[in-house]
């Protein structure tokens, strides 16, 4: 199986109480099983989110079936994902350079250890 890594960035609203609540939603024991299933069904093999202040970094390992367009179509058709996304918008804000409605933006790789 061929895999590749994709990295995305998103910002949270810079309020400590909102950041703490966002972290609680993402704790392993609080993960919504429907969201985990939708992630895996889209071709994402592994997904990690890191935080620095109010900046989020997401690293995904995806298989050959994954495409951002396919994932978007799947998410749009999934009411539980739409519920999750609406909930998360209470905490997230678009990073610099985002267009209307965008929140997770792809990051450009500028270095890889040879």
N, C-alpha and C. Protein backbone atom coordinates (compact mmCIF):
# COMPACT_ATOMS: atom_id res chain seq x y z
N UNK A 1 0.83 -1.17 0.00
CA UNK A 1 0.00 0.00 0.00
C UNK A 1 0.89 1.25 0.00
N UNK A 2 0.57 2.16 -0.87
CA UNK A 2 1.30 3.42 -0.97
C UNK A 2 0.62 4.43 -0.03
N UNK A 3 1.43 5.09 0.80
CA UNK A 3 0.90 6.10 1.70
C UNK A 3 1.65 7.41 1.51
N UNK A 4 1.04 8.48 1.96
CA UNK A 4 1.71 9.78 1.94
C UNK A 4 1.21 10.57 3.15
N UNK A 5 1.98 11.59 3.52
CA UNK A 5 1.62 12.44 4.65
C UNK A 5 1.15 13.79 4.14
N UNK A 6 0.12 14.29 4.79
CA UNK A 6 -0.40 15.62 4.50
C UNK A 6 -0.46 16.38 5.82
N UNK A 7 -0.15 17.67 5.78
CA UNK A 7 -0.17 18.49 6.98
C UNK A 7 -1.07 19.70 6.75
N UNK A 8 -1.84 20.02 7.77
CA UNK A 8 -2.78 21.14 7.71
C UNK A 8 -2.64 21.99 8.97
N UNK A 9 -3.02 23.26 8.88
CA UNK A 9 -3.02 24.17 10.02
C UNK A 9 -4.39 24.82 10.15
N UNK A 10 -4.75 25.10 11.39
CA UNK A 10 -5.99 25.79 11.72
C UNK A 10 -5.73 26.58 12.99
N UNK A 11 -6.47 27.64 13.20
CA UNK A 11 -6.34 28.42 14.43
C UNK A 11 -7.57 28.25 15.30
N UNK A 12 -7.35 28.34 16.60
CA UNK A 12 -8.45 28.38 17.55
C UNK A 12 -8.66 29.83 17.98
N UNK A 13 -9.86 30.13 18.41
CA UNK A 13 -10.12 31.44 19.00
C UNK A 13 -9.22 31.52 20.24
N UNK A 14 -8.53 32.62 20.38
CA UNK A 14 -7.49 32.74 21.41
C UNK A 14 -8.08 33.10 22.77
N UNK A 15 -8.84 32.15 23.32
CA UNK A 15 -9.41 32.28 24.66
C UNK A 15 -9.10 30.99 25.40
N UNK A 16 -8.37 31.07 26.50
CA UNK A 16 -7.94 29.85 27.20
C UNK A 16 -9.07 28.88 27.54
N UNK A 17 -10.23 29.38 27.93
CA UNK A 17 -11.33 28.48 28.29
C UNK A 17 -11.85 27.72 27.07
N UNK A 18 -11.87 28.37 25.90
CA UNK A 18 -12.30 27.69 24.68
C UNK A 18 -11.27 26.67 24.23
N UNK A 19 -9.99 27.00 24.37
CA UNK A 19 -8.93 26.07 23.99
C UNK A 19 -8.99 24.83 24.87
N UNK A 20 -9.22 24.99 26.16
CA UNK A 20 -9.31 23.84 27.06
C UNK A 20 -10.52 22.97 26.70
N UNK A 21 -11.65 23.59 26.36
CA UNK A 21 -12.82 22.82 25.97
C UNK A 21 -12.57 22.07 24.66
N UNK A 22 -11.90 22.72 23.72
CA UNK A 22 -11.56 22.06 22.45
C UNK A 22 -10.69 20.83 22.72
N UNK A 23 -9.72 20.97 23.60
CA UNK A 23 -8.86 19.84 23.96
C UNK A 23 -9.68 18.71 24.57
N UNK A 24 -10.65 19.04 25.41
CA UNK A 24 -11.50 18.00 26.01
C UNK A 24 -12.27 17.23 24.94
N UNK A 25 -12.80 17.94 23.94
CA UNK A 25 -13.52 17.26 22.86
C UNK A 25 -12.62 16.29 22.10
N UNK A 26 -11.32 16.59 22.07
CA UNK A 26 -10.39 15.77 21.30
C UNK A 26 -9.66 14.73 22.15
N UNK A 27 -9.96 14.65 23.43
CA UNK A 27 -9.38 13.60 24.27
C UNK A 27 -9.89 12.25 23.78
N UNK A 28 -9.03 11.25 23.83
CA UNK A 28 -9.35 9.92 23.29
C UNK A 28 -10.70 9.40 23.78
N UNK A 29 -10.96 9.57 25.07
CA UNK A 29 -12.20 9.04 25.64
C UNK A 29 -13.45 9.81 25.20
N UNK A 30 -13.26 10.98 24.60
CA UNK A 30 -14.40 11.78 24.15
C UNK A 30 -14.61 11.75 22.64
N UNK A 31 -13.80 11.00 21.93
CA UNK A 31 -13.91 10.94 20.46
C UNK A 31 -15.27 10.38 20.06
N UNK A 32 -15.91 11.04 19.13
CA UNK A 32 -17.18 10.55 18.60
C UNK A 32 -16.87 9.39 17.66
N UNK A 33 -17.42 8.20 17.91
CA UNK A 33 -17.11 7.05 17.05
C UNK A 33 -17.49 7.27 15.59
N UNK A 34 -18.56 8.02 15.34
CA UNK A 34 -18.98 8.28 13.95
C UNK A 34 -17.94 9.13 13.21
N UNK A 35 -17.29 10.02 13.95
CA UNK A 35 -16.28 10.88 13.34
C UNK A 35 -15.02 10.06 13.04
N UNK A 36 -14.63 9.23 14.00
CA UNK A 36 -13.48 8.35 13.78
C UNK A 36 -13.71 7.45 12.58
N UNK A 37 -14.91 6.90 12.48
CA UNK A 37 -15.24 6.03 11.34
C UNK A 37 -15.18 6.80 10.03
N UNK A 38 -15.72 8.01 10.00
CA UNK A 38 -15.72 8.79 8.76
C UNK A 38 -14.29 9.14 8.33
N UNK A 39 -13.43 9.39 9.29
CA UNK A 39 -12.02 9.68 8.99
C UNK A 39 -11.37 8.46 8.33
N UNK A 40 -11.54 7.30 8.95
CA UNK A 40 -10.93 6.08 8.42
C UNK A 40 -11.52 5.69 7.07
N UNK A 41 -12.84 5.87 6.92
CA UNK A 41 -13.50 5.51 5.66
C UNK A 41 -13.02 6.36 4.48
N UNK A 42 -12.46 7.53 4.76
CA UNK A 42 -12.02 8.42 3.68
C UNK A 42 -10.62 8.11 3.16
N UNK A 43 -9.96 7.11 3.79
CA UNK A 43 -8.60 6.76 3.35
C UNK A 43 -7.51 7.33 4.25
N UNK A 44 -7.91 7.89 5.39
CA UNK A 44 -6.92 8.38 6.35
C UNK A 44 -6.54 7.21 7.26
N UNK A 45 -5.26 6.88 7.25
CA UNK A 45 -4.75 5.75 8.02
C UNK A 45 -4.40 6.18 9.44
N UNK A 46 -3.82 7.36 9.55
CA UNK A 46 -3.44 7.88 10.86
C UNK A 46 -3.63 9.39 10.84
N UNK A 47 -4.00 9.94 11.99
CA UNK A 47 -4.23 11.38 12.09
C UNK A 47 -3.81 11.83 13.48
N UNK A 48 -3.01 12.88 13.53
CA UNK A 48 -2.57 13.47 14.79
C UNK A 48 -2.79 14.96 14.72
N UNK A 49 -3.20 15.56 15.85
CA UNK A 49 -3.35 17.01 15.94
C UNK A 49 -2.47 17.49 17.09
N UNK A 50 -1.68 18.52 16.81
CA UNK A 50 -0.81 19.15 17.80
C UNK A 50 -1.25 20.60 17.97
N UNK A 51 -0.93 21.16 19.13
CA UNK A 51 -1.31 22.55 19.40
C UNK A 51 -0.12 23.33 19.94
N UNK A 52 -0.02 24.58 19.51
CA UNK A 52 0.94 25.54 20.03
C UNK A 52 0.18 26.84 20.21
N UNK A 53 -0.02 27.24 21.46
CA UNK A 53 -0.85 28.41 21.78
C UNK A 53 -2.24 28.16 21.18
N UNK A 54 -2.65 28.96 20.18
CA UNK A 54 -3.96 28.72 19.56
C UNK A 54 -3.83 28.19 18.12
N UNK A 55 -2.65 27.76 17.74
CA UNK A 55 -2.43 27.21 16.39
C UNK A 55 -2.45 25.69 16.45
N UNK A 56 -3.24 25.08 15.57
CA UNK A 56 -3.34 23.63 15.46
C UNK A 56 -2.57 23.15 14.24
N UNK A 57 -1.91 22.00 14.38
CA UNK A 57 -1.24 21.34 13.27
C UNK A 57 -1.79 19.92 13.18
N UNK A 58 -2.25 19.53 12.01
CA UNK A 58 -2.77 18.19 11.80
C UNK A 58 -1.86 17.47 10.81
N UNK A 59 -1.44 16.28 11.20
CA UNK A 59 -0.61 15.44 10.33
C UNK A 59 -1.43 14.19 10.02
N UNK A 60 -1.64 13.93 8.74
CA UNK A 60 -2.40 12.77 8.31
C UNK A 60 -1.54 11.87 7.44
N UNK A 61 -1.65 10.58 7.69
CA UNK A 61 -1.09 9.60 6.77
C UNK A 61 -2.28 9.03 6.01
N UNK A 62 -2.22 9.11 4.69
CA UNK A 62 -3.36 8.70 3.87
C UNK A 62 -2.94 7.64 2.86
N UNK A 63 -3.93 6.84 2.44
CA UNK A 63 -3.65 5.85 1.41
C UNK A 63 -4.00 6.40 0.04
N UNK A 64 -3.88 5.56 -0.97
CA UNK A 64 -4.08 6.02 -2.35
C UNK A 64 -5.53 6.38 -2.66
N UNK A 65 -6.49 5.99 -1.81
CA UNK A 65 -7.90 6.32 -2.05
C UNK A 65 -8.26 7.72 -1.58
N UNK A 66 -7.39 8.33 -0.78
CA UNK A 66 -7.72 9.64 -0.19
C UNK A 66 -7.52 10.78 -1.18
N UNK A 67 -8.48 11.70 -1.17
CA UNK A 67 -8.30 13.00 -1.81
C UNK A 67 -9.11 14.00 -0.99
N UNK A 68 -8.63 15.23 -0.88
CA UNK A 68 -9.38 16.23 -0.13
C UNK A 68 -10.79 16.44 -0.70
N UNK A 69 -10.92 16.37 -2.01
CA UNK A 69 -12.23 16.55 -2.64
C UNK A 69 -13.19 15.41 -2.26
N UNK A 70 -12.70 14.19 -2.28
CA UNK A 70 -13.53 13.04 -1.89
C UNK A 70 -13.93 13.15 -0.43
N UNK A 71 -12.99 13.52 0.43
CA UNK A 71 -13.28 13.68 1.86
C UNK A 71 -14.34 14.76 2.06
N UNK A 72 -14.23 15.86 1.35
CA UNK A 72 -15.22 16.94 1.45
C UNK A 72 -16.61 16.45 1.04
N UNK A 73 -16.70 15.70 -0.04
CA UNK A 73 -17.98 15.16 -0.50
C UNK A 73 -18.58 14.22 0.54
N UNK A 74 -17.73 13.35 1.11
CA UNK A 74 -18.20 12.42 2.14
C UNK A 74 -18.69 13.17 3.37
N UNK A 75 -17.95 14.20 3.78
CA UNK A 75 -18.33 14.97 4.96
C UNK A 75 -19.64 15.72 4.75
N UNK A 76 -19.81 16.28 3.57
CA UNK A 76 -21.03 17.02 3.25
C UNK A 76 -22.26 16.11 3.32
N UNK A 77 -22.09 14.85 2.95
CA UNK A 77 -23.19 13.90 2.92
C UNK A 77 -23.43 13.22 4.28
N UNK A 78 -22.60 13.50 5.27
CA UNK A 78 -22.69 12.82 6.57
C UNK A 78 -23.23 13.79 7.63
N UNK A 79 -24.49 13.59 8.09
CA UNK A 79 -25.08 14.52 9.07
C UNK A 79 -24.29 14.59 10.38
N UNK A 80 -23.71 13.49 10.82
CA UNK A 80 -22.95 13.51 12.08
C UNK A 80 -21.68 14.34 11.92
N UNK A 81 -21.02 14.25 10.78
CA UNK A 81 -19.83 15.07 10.52
C UNK A 81 -20.24 16.54 10.47
N UNK A 82 -21.37 16.84 9.85
CA UNK A 82 -21.83 18.22 9.79
C UNK A 82 -22.14 18.76 11.19
N UNK A 83 -22.70 17.92 12.05
CA UNK A 83 -22.95 18.32 13.44
C UNK A 83 -21.62 18.62 14.16
N UNK A 84 -20.62 17.74 13.96
CA UNK A 84 -19.30 17.93 14.56
C UNK A 84 -18.66 19.23 14.06
N UNK A 85 -18.71 19.44 12.76
CA UNK A 85 -18.09 20.63 12.18
C UNK A 85 -18.74 21.91 12.71
N UNK A 86 -20.05 21.90 12.83
CA UNK A 86 -20.75 23.07 13.38
C UNK A 86 -20.31 23.31 14.83
N UNK A 87 -20.19 22.26 15.61
CA UNK A 87 -19.73 22.37 16.99
C UNK A 87 -18.31 22.92 17.04
N UNK A 88 -17.41 22.43 16.18
CA UNK A 88 -16.01 22.84 16.21
C UNK A 88 -15.82 24.30 15.79
N UNK A 89 -16.73 24.82 14.94
CA UNK A 89 -16.62 26.22 14.53
C UNK A 89 -16.77 27.17 15.72
N UNK A 90 -17.31 26.70 16.84
CA UNK A 90 -17.40 27.53 18.04
C UNK A 90 -16.02 27.82 18.62
N UNK A 91 -15.05 26.97 18.27
CA UNK A 91 -13.70 27.07 18.82
C UNK A 91 -12.68 27.51 17.78
N UNK A 92 -12.92 27.18 16.54
CA UNK A 92 -11.93 27.40 15.48
C UNK A 92 -12.16 28.73 14.78
N UNK A 93 -11.08 29.23 14.22
CA UNK A 93 -11.17 30.39 13.33
C UNK A 93 -10.22 30.16 12.17
N UNK A 94 -10.54 30.75 11.08
CA UNK A 94 -9.72 30.55 9.88
C UNK A 94 -8.34 31.14 10.08
N UNK A 95 -7.30 30.42 9.65
CA UNK A 95 -5.94 30.99 9.73
C UNK A 95 -5.74 32.04 8.64
N UNK A 96 -4.67 32.82 8.75
CA UNK A 96 -4.39 33.82 7.71
C UNK A 96 -4.34 33.18 6.32
N UNK A 97 -4.96 33.86 5.37
CA UNK A 97 -4.95 33.38 3.99
C UNK A 97 -6.12 32.48 3.63
N UNK A 98 -6.98 32.16 4.61
CA UNK A 98 -8.12 31.29 4.32
C UNK A 98 -9.21 32.05 3.58
N UNK A 99 -9.91 31.32 2.72
CA UNK A 99 -11.07 31.87 2.04
C UNK A 99 -12.30 31.62 2.91
N UNK A 100 -13.42 32.25 2.58
CA UNK A 100 -14.65 32.05 3.34
C UNK A 100 -14.97 30.57 3.46
N UNK A 101 -15.25 30.12 4.68
CA UNK A 101 -15.63 28.74 4.91
C UNK A 101 -14.46 27.80 5.13
N UNK A 102 -13.24 28.23 4.85
CA UNK A 102 -12.06 27.38 5.07
C UNK A 102 -11.57 27.54 6.50
N UNK A 103 -11.12 26.42 7.07
CA UNK A 103 -10.49 26.53 8.38
C UNK A 103 -9.21 25.72 8.46
N UNK A 104 -9.17 24.52 7.92
CA UNK A 104 -7.93 23.73 7.87
C UNK A 104 -7.28 23.97 6.52
N UNK A 105 -6.10 24.58 6.51
CA UNK A 105 -5.40 24.86 5.26
C UNK A 105 -4.19 23.95 5.11
N UNK A 106 -3.95 23.46 3.89
CA UNK A 106 -2.79 22.60 3.68
C UNK A 106 -1.49 23.37 3.88
N UNK A 107 -0.53 22.70 4.46
CA UNK A 107 0.77 23.31 4.70
C UNK A 107 1.74 22.85 3.61
N UNK A 108 2.68 23.70 3.29
CA UNK A 108 3.69 23.39 2.28
C UNK A 108 4.93 22.83 2.98
N UNK A 109 5.37 21.67 2.55
CA UNK A 109 6.60 21.11 3.09
C UNK A 109 7.79 21.87 2.49
N UNK A 110 8.66 22.37 3.36
CA UNK A 110 9.81 23.11 2.87
C UNK A 110 11.13 22.42 3.21
N UNK A 111 11.08 21.33 3.99
CA UNK A 111 12.31 20.60 4.33
C UNK A 111 11.96 19.18 4.69
N UNK A 112 12.82 18.27 4.32
CA UNK A 112 12.73 16.86 4.72
C UNK A 112 14.15 16.37 4.93
N UNK A 113 14.37 15.70 6.03
CA UNK A 113 15.69 15.16 6.33
C UNK A 113 16.13 14.22 5.22
N UNK A 114 17.30 14.49 4.63
CA UNK A 114 17.78 13.62 3.54
C UNK A 114 18.17 12.24 4.04
